[in-house]
PDB file of N, CA and C in Angstrom:
ATOM      1  N   MET A   1     104.767   8.463  22.544  1.00  0.00           N
ATOM      2  CA  MET A   1     104.058   7.649  21.517  1.00  0.00           C
ATOM      3  C   MET A   1     105.120   7.001  20.692  1.00  0.00           C
ATOM      4  N   ASP A   2     104.857   5.669  20.319  1.00  0.00           N
ATOM      5  CA  ASP A   2     105.880   5.033  19.317  1.00  0.00           C
ATOM      6  C   ASP A   2     105.397   5.323  17.940  1.00  0.00           C
ATOM      7  N   ARG A   3     106.387   4.670  17.084  1.00  0.00           N
ATOM      8  CA  ARG A   3     106.221   5.114  15.836  1.00  0.00           C
ATOM      9  C   ARG A   3     104.772   4.593  15.092  1.00  0.00           C
ATOM     10  N   LEU A   4     104.432   3.461  15.545  1.00  0.00           N
ATOM     11  CA  LEU A   4     103.106   2.970  15.018  1.00  0.00           C
ATOM     12  C   LEU A   4     101.917   3.893  15.413  1.00  0.00           C
ATOM     13  N   GLY A   5     101.972   4.451  16.718  1.00  0.00           N
ATOM     14  CA  GLY A   5     100.999   5.340  17.188  1.00  0.00           C
ATOM     15  C   GLY A   5     100.945   6.680  16.419  1.00  0.00           C
ATOM     16  N   ARG A   6     102.214   7.109  16.065  1.00  0.00           N
ATOM     17  CA  ARG A   6     102.439   8.409  15.409  1.00  0.00           C
ATOM     18  C   ARG A   6     101.851   8.198  13.889  1.00  0.00           C
ATOM     19  N   LEU A   7     102.206   6.939  13.261  1.00  0.00           N
ATOM     20  CA  LEU A   7     101.560   6.719  11.909  1.00  0.00           C
ATOM     21  C   LEU A   7     100.017   6.672  11.803  1.00  0.00           C
ATOM     22  N   ILE A   8      99.482   5.991  12.911  1.00  0.00           N
ATOM     23  CA  ILE A   8      98.024   5.949  12.940  1.00  0.00           C
ATOM     24  C   ILE A   8      97.376   7.307  13.231  1.00  0.00           C
ATOM     25  N   GLN A   9      97.953   8.287  14.184  1.00  0.00           N
ATOM     26  CA  GLN A   9      97.661   9.360  14.413  1.00  0.00           C
ATOM     27  C   GLN A   9      97.783  10.339  13.149  1.00  0.00           C
ATOM     28  N   SER A  10      98.781  10.092  12.350  1.00  0.00           N
ATOM     29  CA  SER A  10      98.832  10.894  11.262  1.00  0.00           C
ATOM     30  C   SER A  10      97.755  10.553  10.244  1.00  0.00           C
ATOM     31  N   ALA A  11      97.534   9.184   9.994  1.00  0.00           N
ATOM     32  CA  ALA A  11      96.458   8.915   9.175  1.00  0.00           C
ATOM     33  C   ALA A  11      95.133   9.710   9.527  1.00  0.00           C
ATOM     34  N   GLN A  12      94.846   9.502  10.734  1.00  0.00           N
ATOM     35  CA  GLN A  12      93.520  10.158  11.213  1.00  0.00           C
ATOM     36  C   GLN A  12      93.575  11.662  10.912  1.00  0.00           C
ATOM     37  N   GLU A  13      94.702  12.253  11.159  1.00  0.00           N
ATOM     38  CA  GLU A  13      94.714  13.680  10.922  1.00  0.00           C
ATOM     39  C   GLU A  13      94.527  13.943   9.427  1.00  0.00           C
ATOM     40  N   HIS A  14      95.273  13.222   8.685  1.00  0.00           N
ATOM     41  CA  HIS A  14      95.178  13.562   7.145  1.00  0.00           C
ATOM     42  C   HIS A  14      93.722  13.195   6.711  1.00  0.00           C
ATOM     43  N   LEU A  15      93.125  12.375   7.172  1.00  0.00           N
ATOM     44  CA  LEU A  15      91.856  11.847   6.768  1.00  0.00           C
ATOM     45  C   LEU A  15      90.878  12.869   6.956  1.00  0.00           C
ATOM     46  N   GLU A  16      90.907  13.463   8.277  1.00  0.00           N
ATOM     47  CA  GLU A  16      90.031  14.596   8.726  1.00  0.00           C
ATOM     48  C   GLU A  16      90.322  15.819   7.902  1.00  0.00           C
ATOM     49  N   LYS A  17      91.658  16.061   7.310  1.00  0.00           N
ATOM     50  CA  LYS A  17      91.747  17.192   6.499  1.00  0.00           C
ATOM     51  C   LYS A  17      91.298  16.966   5.062  1.00  0.00           C
ATOM     52  N   GLY A  18      90.981  15.768   4.848  1.00  0.00           N
ATOM     53  CA  GLY A  18      90.514  15.318   3.392  1.00  0.00           C
ATOM     54  C   GLY A  18      91.717  14.986   2.501  1.00  0.00           C
ATOM     55  N   SER A  19      92.837  14.795   3.101  1.00  0.00           N
ATOM     56  CA  SER A  19      94.025  14.399   2.295  1.00  0.00           C
ATOM     57  C   SER A  19      94.000  12.876   2.237  1.00  0.00           C
ATOM     58  N   LEU A  20      93.310  12.255   1.432  1.00  0.00           N
ATOM     59  CA  LEU A  20      93.158  10.733   1.277  1.00  0.00           C
ATOM     60  C   LEU A  20      94.533  10.085   0.923  1.00  0.00           C
ATOM     61  N   TRP A  21      95.137  10.659   0.184  1.00  0.00           N
ATOM     62  CA  TRP A  21      96.434   9.971  -0.423  1.00  0.00           C
ATOM     63  C   TRP A  21      97.379   9.933   0.777  1.00  0.00           C
ATOM     64  N   ARG A  22      97.672  10.949   1.484  1.00  0.00           N
ATOM     65  CA  ARG A  22      98.565  10.943   2.683  1.00  0.00           C
ATOM     66  C   ARG A  22      98.033  10.054   3.799  1.00  0.00           C
ATOM     67  N   ALA A  23      96.698  10.004   3.833  1.00  0.00           N
ATOM     68  CA  ALA A  23      96.075   9.017   4.800  1.00  0.00           C
ATOM     69  C   ALA A  23      96.466   7.680   4.437  1.00  0.00           C
ATOM     70  N   TYR A  24      96.324   7.315   3.154  1.00  0.00           N
ATOM     71  CA  TYR A  24      96.363   6.046   2.582  1.00  0.00           C
ATOM     72  C   TYR A  24      98.063   5.521   2.824  1.00  0.00           C
ATOM     73  N   VAL A  25      99.105   6.537   2.659  1.00  0.00           N
ATOM     74  CA  VAL A  25     100.402   6.337   2.764  1.00  0.00           C
ATOM     75  C   VAL A  25     100.761   6.037   4.192  1.00  0.00           C
ATOM     76  N   ALA A  26     100.104   6.710   5.214  1.00  0.00           N
ATOM     77  CA  ALA A  26     100.484   6.515   6.627  1.00  0.00           C
ATOM     78  C   ALA A  26      99.876   5.297   7.038  1.00  0.00           C
ATOM     79  N   VAL A  27      98.770   4.746   6.459  1.00  0.00           N
ATOM     80  CA  VAL A  27      98.230   3.437   6.985  1.00  0.00           C
ATOM     81  C   VAL A  27      99.083   2.393   6.442  1.00  0.00           C
ATOM     82  N   GLU A  28      99.509   2.579   5.125  1.00  0.00           N
ATOM     83  CA  GLU A  28     100.361   1.457   4.378  1.00  0.00           C
ATOM     84  C   GLU A  28     101.676   1.497   5.208  1.00  0.00           C
ATOM     85  N   SER A  29     102.244   2.556   5.642  1.00  0.00           N
ATOM     86  CA  SER A  29     103.455   2.526   6.372  1.00  0.00           C
ATOM     87  C   SER A  29     103.105   1.883   7.651  1.00  0.00           C
ATOM     88  N   ALA A  30     102.192   2.003   8.410  1.00  0.00           N
ATOM     89  CA  ALA A  30     101.783   1.456   9.605  1.00  0.00           C
ATOM     90  C   ALA A  30     101.662  -0.221   9.402  1.00  0.00           C
ATOM     91  N   ILE A  31     101.148  -0.482   8.221  1.00  0.00           N
ATOM     92  CA  ILE A  31     101.064  -1.960   7.981  1.00  0.00           C
ATOM     93  C   ILE A  31     102.392  -2.545   7.842  1.00  0.00           C
ATOM     94  N   LEU A  32     103.251  -1.946   7.086  1.00  0.00           N
ATOM     95  CA  LEU A  32     104.644  -2.402   6.987  1.00  0.00           C
ATOM     96  C   LEU A  32     105.447  -2.538   8.219  1.00  0.00           C
ATOM     97  N   ASP A  33     105.211  -1.526   9.235  1.00  0.00           N
ATOM     98  CA  ASP A  33     105.740  -1.416  10.413  1.00  0.00           C
ATOM     99  C   ASP A  33     105.327  -2.756  11.399  1.00  0.00           C
ATOM    100  N   VAL A  34     104.328  -2.879  11.220  1.00  0.00           N
ATOM    101  CA  VAL A  34     103.713  -4.178  12.019  1.00  0.00           C
ATOM    102  C   VAL A  34     104.034  -5.330  11.440  1.00  0.00           C
ATOM    103  N   LYS A  35     104.100  -5.580  10.300  1.00  0.00           N
ATOM    104  CA  LYS A  35     104.631  -6.810   9.446  1.00  0.00           C
ATOM    105  C   LYS A  35     105.907  -7.104   9.772  1.00  0.00           C
ATOM    106  N   MET A  36     106.795  -6.102   9.734  1.00  0.00           N
ATOM    107  CA  MET A  36     108.395  -6.249   9.940  1.00  0.00           C
ATOM    108  C   MET A  36     108.497  -6.547  11.425  1.00  0.00           C
ATOM    109  N   ARG A  37     108.004  -5.673  12.299  1.00  0.00           N
ATOM    110  CA  ARG A  37     108.493  -5.836  13.659  1.00  0.00           C
ATOM    111  C   ARG A  37     107.978  -7.065  14.209  1.00  0.00           C
ATOM    112  N   HIS A  38     106.820  -7.712  13.771  1.00  0.00           N
ATOM    113  CA  HIS A  38     106.259  -8.913  14.323  1.00  0.00           C
ATOM    114  C   HIS A  38     106.267 -10.213  13.574  1.00  0.00           C
ATOM    115  N   ALA A  39     106.984  -9.963  12.386  1.00  0.00           N
ATOM    116  CA  ALA A  39     107.017 -11.093  11.488  1.00  0.00           C
ATOM    117  C   ALA A  39     105.865 -11.729  10.979  1.00  0.00           C
ATOM    118  N   LEU A  40     104.802 -10.839  10.617  1.00  0.00           N
ATOM    119  CA  LEU A  40     103.544 -11.116  10.167  1.00  0.00           C
ATOM    120  C   LEU A  40     103.376 -11.037   8.537  1.00  0.00           C
ATOM    121  N   GLU A  41     104.418 -11.296   7.837  1.00  0.00           N
ATOM    122  CA  GLU A  41     104.307 -10.805   6.406  1.00  0.00           C
ATOM    123  C   GLU A  41     103.573 -11.998   5.813  1.00  0.00           C
ATOM    124  N   LEU A  42     103.412 -13.022   6.155  1.00  0.00           N
ATOM    125  CA  LEU A  42     102.605 -14.225   5.554  1.00  0.00           C
ATOM    126  C   LEU A  42     101.103 -14.150   5.986  1.00  0.00           C
ATOM    127  N   GLU A  43     100.547 -13.246   6.730  1.00  0.00           N
ATOM    128  CA  GLU A  43      99.105 -13.317   6.981  1.00  0.00           C
ATOM    129  C   GLU A  43      98.415 -12.849   5.932  1.00  0.00           C
ATOM    130  N   GLU A  44      97.056 -13.409   5.911  1.00  0.00           N
ATOM    131  CA  GLU A  44      96.078 -13.279   4.731  1.00  0.00           C
ATOM    132  C   GLU A  44      95.468 -11.889   4.894  1.00  0.00           C
ATOM    133  N   PRO A  45      95.324 -11.239   3.717  1.00  0.00           N
ATOM    134  CA  PRO A  45      94.679  -9.878   3.625  1.00  0.00           C
ATOM    135  C   PRO A  45      93.055 -10.089   3.906  1.00  0.00           C
ATOM    136  N   PRO A  46      92.480  -9.010   4.335  1.00  0.00           N
ATOM    137  CA  PRO A  46      91.035  -9.133   4.475  1.00  0.00           C
ATOM    138  C   PRO A  46      90.399  -9.002   3.107  1.00  0.00           C
ATOM    139  N   ALA A  47      89.134  -9.320   3.118  1.00  0.00           N
ATOM    140  CA  ALA A  47      88.274  -9.113   1.748  1.00  0.00           C
ATOM    141  C   ALA A  47      88.253  -7.828   1.517  1.00  0.00           C
ATOM    142  N   PRO A  48      88.384  -7.409   0.155  1.00  0.00           N
ATOM    143  CA  PRO A  48      88.286  -5.923  -0.180  1.00  0.00           C
ATOM    144  C   PRO A  48      86.813  -5.530   0.173  1.00  0.00           C
ATOM    145  N   PRO A  49      86.720  -4.196   0.153  1.00  0.00           N
ATOM    146  CA  PRO A  49      85.303  -3.500   0.140  1.00  0.00           C
ATOM    147  C   PRO A  49      84.481  -3.840  -1.066  1.00  0.00           C
ATOM    148  N   LYS A  50      83.300  -3.691  -0.818  1.00  0.00           N
ATOM    149  CA  LYS A  50      82.369  -3.823  -1.994  1.00  0.00           C
ATOM    150  C   LYS A  50      82.746  -2.835  -3.083  1.00  0.00           C
ATOM    151  N   ARG A  51      82.543  -3.202  -4.187  1.00  0.00           N
ATOM    152  CA  ARG A  51      82.818  -2.229  -5.523  1.00  0.00           C
ATOM    153  C   ARG A  51      81.826  -1.172  -5.606  1.00  0.00           C
ATOM    154  N   ASN A  52      80.545  -1.457  -5.133  1.00  0.00           N
ATOM    155  CA  ASN A  52      79.523  -0.595  -5.332  1.00  0.00           C
ATOM    156  C   ASN A  52      79.136   0.506  -4.150  1.00  0.00           C
ATOM    157  N   ALA A  53      80.410   0.315  -3.221  1.00  0.00           N
ATOM    158  CA  ALA A  53      80.133   1.220  -1.946  1.00  0.00           C
ATOM    159  C   ALA A  53      80.410   2.554  -2.380  1.00  0.00           C
ATOM    160  N   LYS A  54      79.740   3.717  -1.711  1.00  0.00           N
ATOM    161  CA  LYS A  54      79.972   5.153  -1.947  1.00  0.00           C
ATOM    162  C   LYS A  54      81.164   5.685  -1.333  1.00  0.00           C
ATOM    163  N   LYS A  55      81.673   6.550  -1.835  1.00  0.00           N
ATOM    164  CA  LYS A  55      82.988   6.993  -1.424  1.00  0.00           C
ATOM    165  C   LYS A  55      82.684   7.648   0.179  1.00  0.00           C
ATOM    166  N   ASP A  56      81.513   8.273   0.350  1.00  0.00           N
ATOM    167  CA  ASP A  56      81.419   8.671   1.802  1.00  0.00           C
ATOM    168  C   ASP A  56      81.260   7.447   2.746  1.00  0.00           C
ATOM    169  N   ASP A  57      80.728   6.411   2.238  1.00  0.00           N
ATOM    170  CA  ASP A  57      80.646   5.283   3.150  1.00  0.00           C
ATOM    171  C   ASP A  57      81.938   4.536   3.431  1.00  0.00           C
ATOM    172  N   LEU A  58      82.864   4.565   2.423  1.00  0.00           N
ATOM    173  CA  LEU A  58      84.218   4.122   2.470  1.00  0.00           C
ATOM    174  C   LEU A  58      85.017   4.913   3.469  1.00  0.00           C
ATOM    175  N   LEU A  59      84.818   6.254   3.383  1.00  0.00           N
ATOM    176  CA  LEU A  59      85.755   7.166   4.183  1.00  0.00           C
ATOM    177  C   LEU A  59      85.117   6.988   5.661  1.00  0.00           C
ATOM    178  N   ALA A  60      83.795   6.906   5.933  1.00  0.00           N
ATOM    179  CA  ALA A  60      83.164   6.612   7.118  1.00  0.00           C
ATOM    180  C   ALA A  60      83.845   5.357   7.843  1.00  0.00           C
ATOM    181  N   ASP A  61      83.959   4.352   7.005  1.00  0.00           N
ATOM    182  CA  ASP A  61      84.417   3.083   7.511  1.00  0.00           C
ATOM    183  C   ASP A  61      85.984   3.257   7.782  1.00  0.00           C
ATOM    184  N   ALA A  62      86.660   3.954   6.999  1.00  0.00           N
ATOM    185  CA  ALA A  62      88.210   4.097   7.447  1.00  0.00           C
ATOM    186  C   ALA A  62      88.292   4.872   8.737  1.00  0.00           C
ATOM    187  N   ARG A  63      87.466   5.990   8.713  1.00  0.00           N
ATOM    188  CA  ARG A  63      87.623   6.731  10.081  1.00  0.00           C
ATOM    189  C   ARG A  63      87.248   5.871  11.185  1.00  0.00           C
ATOM    190  N   SER A  64      86.130   5.046  11.100  1.00  0.00           N
ATOM    191  CA  SER A  64      85.754   4.269  12.316  1.00  0.00           C
ATOM    192  C   SER A  64      86.812   3.262  12.559  1.00  0.00           C
ATOM    193  N   ARG A  65      87.343   2.522  11.604  1.00  0.00           N
ATOM    194  CA  ARG A  65      88.419   1.538  11.813  1.00  0.00           C
ATOM    195  C   ARG A  65      89.559   2.133  12.544  1.00  0.00           C
ATOM    196  N   LEU A  66      90.124   3.456  12.124  1.00  0.00           N
ATOM    197  CA  LEU A  66      91.189   4.119  12.538  1.00  0.00           C
ATOM    198  C   LEU A  66      90.992   4.396  14.037  1.00  0.00           C
ATOM    199  N   SER A  67      89.741   4.824  14.340  1.00  0.00           N
ATOM    200  CA  SER A  67      89.594   5.315  15.721  1.00  0.00           C
ATOM    201  C   SER A  67      89.471   4.091  16.689  1.00  0.00           C
ATOM    202  N   ARG A  68      89.043   2.844  16.138  1.00  0.00           N
ATOM    203  CA  ARG A  68      88.963   1.801  17.129  1.00  0.00           C
ATOM    204  C   ARG A  68      90.129   0.946  17.132  1.00  0.00           C
ATOM    205  N   LEU A  69      91.310   1.258  16.403  1.00  0.00           N
ATOM    206  CA  LEU A  69      92.465   0.337  16.517  1.00  0.00           C
ATOM    207  C   LEU A  69      93.177   0.283  17.879  1.00  0.00           C
ATOM    208  N   ASP A  70      93.466  -0.947  18.287  1.00  0.00           N
ATOM    209  CA  ASP A  70      94.321  -1.200  19.471  1.00  0.00           C
ATOM    210  C   ASP A  70      95.659  -1.551  19.248  1.00  0.00           C
ATOM    211  N   VAL A  71      96.518  -0.481  19.509  1.00  0.00           N
ATOM    212  CA  VAL A  71      97.969  -0.629  19.187  1.00  0.00           C
ATOM    213  C   VAL A  71      98.603  -1.656  20.123  1.00  0.00           C
ATOM    214  N   SER A  72      98.059  -1.704  21.233  1.00  0.00           N
ATOM    215  CA  SER A  72      98.826  -2.593  22.327  1.00  0.00           C
ATOM    216  C   SER A  72      98.196  -4.093  22.290  1.00  0.00           C
ATOM    217  N   GLY A  73      97.164  -4.262  21.687  1.00  0.00           N
ATOM    218  CA  GLY A  73      96.678  -5.658  21.613  1.00  0.00           C
ATOM    219  C   GLY A  73      97.191  -6.659  20.719  1.00  0.00           C
ATOM    220  N   ASP A  74      96.353  -7.587  20.165  1.00  0.00           N
ATOM    221  CA  ASP A  74      96.824  -8.644  19.214  1.00  0.00           C
ATOM    222  C   ASP A  74      97.290  -8.024  17.900  1.00  0.00           C
ATOM    223  N   LYS A  75      98.532  -8.289  17.541  1.00  0.00           N
ATOM    224  CA  LYS A  75      99.096  -7.779  16.429  1.00  0.00           C
ATOM    225  C   LYS A  75      98.570  -8.297  15.085  1.00  0.00           C
ATOM    226  N   LYS A  76      98.171  -9.565  15.031  1.00  0.00           N
ATOM    227  CA  LYS A  76      97.544  -9.941  13.986  1.00  0.00           C
ATOM    228  C   LYS A  76      96.071  -9.332  13.657  1.00  0.00           C
ATOM    229  N   LYS A  77      95.388  -9.188  14.667  1.00  0.00           N
ATOM    230  CA  LYS A  77      94.169  -8.203  14.447  1.00  0.00           C
ATOM    231  C   LYS A  77      94.519  -6.819  14.111  1.00  0.00           C
ATOM    232  N   LEU A  78      95.574  -6.351  14.656  1.00  0.00           N
ATOM    233  CA  LEU A  78      95.836  -4.846  14.368  1.00  0.00           C
ATOM    234  C   LEU A  78      96.131  -4.938  12.834  1.00  0.00           C
ATOM    235  N   LEU A  79      96.947  -5.884  12.339  1.00  0.00           N
ATOM    236  CA  LEU A  79      97.345  -5.991  10.957  1.00  0.00           C
ATOM    237  C   LEU A  79      96.071  -5.990  10.023  1.00  0.00           C
ATOM    238  N   TYR A  80      95.160  -6.995  10.470  1.00  0.00           N
ATOM    239  CA  TYR A  80      93.914  -7.024   9.734  1.00  0.00           C
ATOM    240  C   TYR A  80      93.218  -5.792   9.658  1.00  0.00           C
ATOM    241  N   ASP A  81      92.935  -5.009  10.810  1.00  0.00           N
ATOM    242  CA  ASP A  81      92.268  -3.974  10.777  1.00  0.00           C
ATOM    243  C   ASP A  81      92.914  -2.909   9.911  1.00  0.00           C
ATOM    244  N   LEU A  82      94.281  -2.779   9.911  1.00  0.00           N
ATOM    245  CA  LEU A  82      94.878  -1.781   9.251  1.00  0.00           C
ATOM    246  C   LEU A  82      94.791  -2.062   7.790  1.00  0.00           C
ATOM    247  N   ARG A  83      94.880  -3.301   7.377  1.00  0.00           N
ATOM    248  CA  ARG A  83      94.623  -3.487   5.878  1.00  0.00           C
ATOM    249  C   ARG A  83      93.216  -3.375   5.442  1.00  0.00           C
ATOM    250  N   ALA A  84      92.319  -3.595   6.300  1.00  0.00           N
ATOM    251  CA  ALA A  84      90.824  -3.249   5.840  1.00  0.00           C
ATOM    252  C   ALA A  84      90.648  -1.774   5.852  1.00  0.00           C
ATOM    253  N   CYS A  85      91.244  -1.036   6.647  1.00  0.00           N
ATOM    254  CA  CYS A  85      91.317   0.407   6.543  1.00  0.00           C
ATOM    255  C   CYS A  85      91.919   0.878   5.328  1.00  0.00           C
ATOM    256  N   ARG A  86      93.182   0.303   4.968  1.00  0.00           N
ATOM    257  CA  ARG A  86      93.852   0.625   3.690  1.00  0.00           C
ATOM    258  C   ARG A  86      92.892   0.267   2.631  1.00  0.00           C
ATOM    259  N   ASP A  87      92.378  -0.659   2.642  1.00  0.00           N
ATOM    260  CA  ASP A  87      91.477  -1.154   1.342  1.00  0.00           C
ATOM    261  C   ASP A  87      90.334  -0.175   1.150  1.00  0.00           C
ATOM    262  N   ALA A  88      89.692   0.227   2.239  1.00  0.00           N
ATOM    263  CA  ALA A  88      88.692   1.293   2.236  1.00  0.00           C
ATOM    264  C   ALA A  88      89.172   2.578   1.613  1.00  0.00           C
ATOM    265  N   LEU A  89      90.245   2.990   2.192  1.00  0.00           N
ATOM    266  CA  LEU A  89      90.980   4.259   1.636  1.00  0.00           C
ATOM    267  C   LEU A  89      91.359   4.168  -0.019  1.00  0.00           C
ATOM    268  N   LYS A  90      91.873   3.010  -0.293  1.00  0.00           N
ATOM    269  CA  LYS A  90      92.241   2.836  -1.827  1.00  0.00           C
ATOM    270  C   LYS A  90      90.952   2.730  -2.546  1.00  0.00           C
ATOM    271  N   ALA A  91      89.853   2.210  -2.276  1.00  0.00           N
ATOM    272  CA  ALA A  91      88.570   2.091  -2.939  1.00  0.00           C
ATOM    273  C   ALA A  91      88.103   3.705  -2.960  1.00  0.00           C
ATOM    274  N   ALA A  92      88.169   4.460  -1.902  1.00  0.00           N
ATOM    275  CA  ALA A  92      87.739   5.803  -1.930  1.00  0.00           C
ATOM    276  C   ALA A  92      88.613   6.644  -2.936  1.00  0.00           C
ATOM    277  N   LEU A  93      89.970   6.331  -2.973  1.00  0.00           N
ATOM    278  CA  LEU A  93      90.732   7.100  -3.764  1.00  0.00           C
ATOM    279  C   LEU A  93      90.408   6.842  -5.209  1.00  0.00           C
ATOM    280  N   ALA A  94      90.070   5.511  -5.641  1.00  0.00           N
ATOM    281  CA  ALA A  94      89.739   5.029  -6.899  1.00  0.00           C
ATOM    282  C   ALA A  94      88.469   5.923  -7.407  1.00  0.00           C
ATOM    283  N   LYS A  95      87.684   6.270  -6.508  1.00  0.00           N
ATOM    284  CA  LYS A  95      86.464   6.929  -6.889  1.00  0.00           C
ATOM    285  C   LYS A  95      86.562   8.475  -7.022  1.00  0.00           C
ATOM    286  N   SER A  96      87.622   8.902  -6.513  1.00  0.00           N
ATOM    287  CA  SER A  96      87.991  10.536  -6.735  1.00  0.00           C
ATOM    288  C   SER A  96      88.092  10.810  -8.085  1.00  0.00           C
TER     289      SER A  96
END
């Protein structure tokens, strides 16, 4: 498994254990890895999650997005999905 796959797997494991901060860091590292390897640093970020979303909903969204990531597919879509997952984790951390 390559570095990106390990980072995503690490994020999933930390999320299942309830370690939101470590999951957030793993997703952020995966984002940086994709951006640097594929020169996608100028891509637009996704819209942030709704401010009134509940923490459980944000965590469910992050888990769902992590489980559906396609590491071998389109890198722009992967970057977009990773950013959306990161934003959901960030919002959940803010509610902690």
